[in-house]
Amino acid sequence: MFLKFLLALTFSALLITGCGNSEKSKSDSEPAETEGQKSEPFDSVVIVMGGEDGKSVFYITQKYHHVGFIESSVGNFVHVIDSLETNSKFSWLYSVNDTMGTVASDRRITSDSDTIKWHYRKN
């Protein structure tokens, strides 16, 4: 029962997830939001990697990083990259060419010209 709950929670929070070769950290403080202005998503860590022809985001991430994931019928959902775990405040999400993923990371196939980013994003 707990595993089903964890999977459902992870699926909704990590609809899209994965990792990269270099890391860039931002400060822990968020930009102030003014009335009528929507704040940008806040990433504590961003990992950047290059795509590879015919290889999935998940495959490439595992090639360069330790990855913890949950298997489901709709794909693998990453919840740990290099010991940094999804928690109540942050989740792992991936993007390819600055477009957020719409499928699990093992189902998104890349090409050599793609740029993969894993975002450790504030919920």
Protein backbone atom coordinates (compact mmCIF):
# COMPACT_ATOMS: atom_id res chain seq x y z
CA MET A 1 0.00 0.00 0.00
CA PHE A 2 2.79 2.41 0.95
CA LEU A 3 4.63 1.66 -2.31
CA LYS A 4 1.48 2.49 -4.31
CA PHE A 5 1.12 5.77 -2.41
CA LEU A 6 4.79 6.61 -2.93
CA LEU A 7 4.53 5.77 -6.62
CA ALA A 8 1.41 7.92 -7.04
CA LEU A 9 3.02 10.79 -5.16
CA THR A 10 6.23 10.47 -7.16
CA PHE A 11 4.32 10.24 -10.45
CA SER A 12 2.38 13.41 -9.78
CA ALA A 13 5.40 15.32 -8.46
CA LEU A 14 7.85 13.91 -10.98
CA LEU A 15 5.80 13.63 -14.13
CA ILE A 16 9.08 14.32 -15.80
CA THR A 17 12.55 13.39 -14.30
CA GLY A 18 16.51 12.58 -14.84
CA CYS A 19 20.53 14.15 -14.64
CA GLY A 20 23.96 15.64 -16.24
CA ASN A 21 27.72 16.19 -16.46
CA SER A 22 28.09 19.57 -14.79
CA GLU A 23 26.21 21.13 -11.92
CA LYS A 24 25.23 24.73 -11.33
CA SER A 25 23.81 25.72 -7.97
CA LYS A 26 21.65 28.73 -7.27
CA SER A 27 21.23 30.42 -3.95
CA ASP A 28 18.62 29.10 -1.56
CA SER A 29 16.71 32.37 -1.53
CA GLU A 30 13.82 32.85 -3.91
CA PRO A 31 13.18 36.03 -5.88
CA ALA A 32 10.40 38.16 -4.45
CA GLU A 33 7.07 37.96 -6.23
CA THR A 34 5.21 41.20 -6.78
CA GLU A 35 1.45 41.43 -7.12
CA GLY A 36 0.28 40.45 -10.60
CA GLN A 37 3.69 39.00 -11.48
CA LYS A 38 4.19 35.26 -11.52
CA SER A 39 7.56 34.13 -10.17
CA GLU A 40 9.79 31.85 -12.21
CA PRO A 41 10.31 28.23 -11.08
CA PHE A 42 13.11 27.95 -8.52
CA ASP A 43 15.86 25.38 -9.13
CA SER A 44 18.34 24.66 -6.36
CA VAL A 45 20.54 22.56 -8.71
CA VAL A 46 20.64 22.16 -12.48
CA ILE A 47 22.59 19.31 -14.08
CA VAL A 48 23.39 19.69 -17.78
CA MET A 49 24.27 16.91 -20.25
CA GLY A 50 24.39 16.45 -24.00
CA GLY A 51 21.98 14.18 -25.83
CA GLU A 52 23.05 11.09 -27.77
CA ASP A 53 21.43 9.80 -30.95
CA GLY A 54 18.85 7.13 -30.09
CA LYS A 55 19.53 7.15 -26.33
CA SER A 56 16.98 8.09 -23.65
CA VAL A 57 17.37 10.85 -21.09
CA PHE A 58 17.32 8.13 -18.42
CA TYR A 59 20.09 6.08 -20.11
CA ILE A 60 22.36 9.11 -20.48
CA THR A 61 21.70 10.18 -16.89
CA GLN A 62 22.62 6.73 -15.57
CA LYS A 63 25.76 6.78 -17.70
CA TYR A 64 27.18 9.76 -15.77
CA HIS A 65 25.38 9.73 -12.40
CA HIS A 66 24.07 7.48 -9.67
CA VAL A 67 20.30 7.37 -10.24
CA GLY A 68 17.56 6.10 -7.94
CA PHE A 69 14.25 5.53 -9.70
CA ILE A 70 10.81 3.98 -9.47
CA GLU A 71 9.61 1.73 -12.27
CA SER A 72 5.99 2.01 -13.34
CA SER A 73 3.81 1.04 -16.28
CA VAL A 74 4.30 4.54 -17.73
CA GLY A 75 8.09 4.61 -17.33
CA ASN A 76 10.94 5.15 -14.90
CA PHE A 77 10.68 8.14 -12.59
CA VAL A 78 13.90 9.47 -11.10
CA HIS A 79 13.83 10.37 -7.42
CA VAL A 80 17.58 10.43 -6.61
CA ILE A 81 20.54 11.79 -8.54
CA ASP A 82 23.97 11.52 -6.92
CA SER A 83 22.46 11.19 -3.42
CA LEU A 84 20.22 14.27 -3.82
CA GLU A 85 16.72 12.92 -3.17
CA THR A 86 13.24 14.12 -3.97
CA ASN A 87 11.57 15.32 -0.79
CA SER A 88 8.63 17.42 0.35
CA LYS A 89 10.34 20.62 -0.85
CA PHE A 90 12.17 19.63 -4.07
CA SER A 91 11.64 17.23 -6.98
CA TRP A 92 13.73 16.17 -9.97
CA LEU A 93 12.34 17.25 -13.37
CA TYR A 94 14.04 17.12 -16.75
CA SER A 95 13.98 19.28 -19.85
CA VAL A 96 15.35 18.77 -23.35
CA ASN A 97 16.32 21.91 -25.24
CA ASP A 98 14.62 23.96 -22.49
CA THR A 99 11.27 22.21 -23.00
CA MET A 100 10.03 20.33 -19.95
CA GLY A 101 9.53 16.61 -20.54
CA THR A 102 6.04 15.23 -21.04
CA VAL A 103 6.92 11.54 -20.67
CA ALA A 104 9.06 9.53 -18.27
CA SER A 105 12.80 10.03 -18.78
CA ASP A 106 13.31 6.49 -20.12
CA ARG A 107 10.78 7.20 -22.88
CA ARG A 108 12.28 10.48 -24.12
CA ILE A 109 14.81 9.67 -26.86
CA THR A 110 17.47 12.26 -27.64
CA SER A 111 19.79 13.23 -30.48
CA ASP A 112 23.38 14.48 -30.47
CA SER A 113 22.25 18.08 -30.84
CA ASP A 114 19.99 18.00 -27.74
CA THR A 115 20.78 19.57 -24.36
CA ILE A 116 19.38 17.71 -21.34
CA LYS A 117 18.89 19.51 -18.04
CA TRP A 118 17.84 17.98 -14.75
CA HIS A 119 16.21 20.53 -12.47
CA TYR A 120 16.09 20.01 -8.70
CA ARG A 121 13.03 22.19 -8.52
CA LYS A 122 11.22 23.65 -5.53
CA ASN A 123 7.68 22.24 -5.29
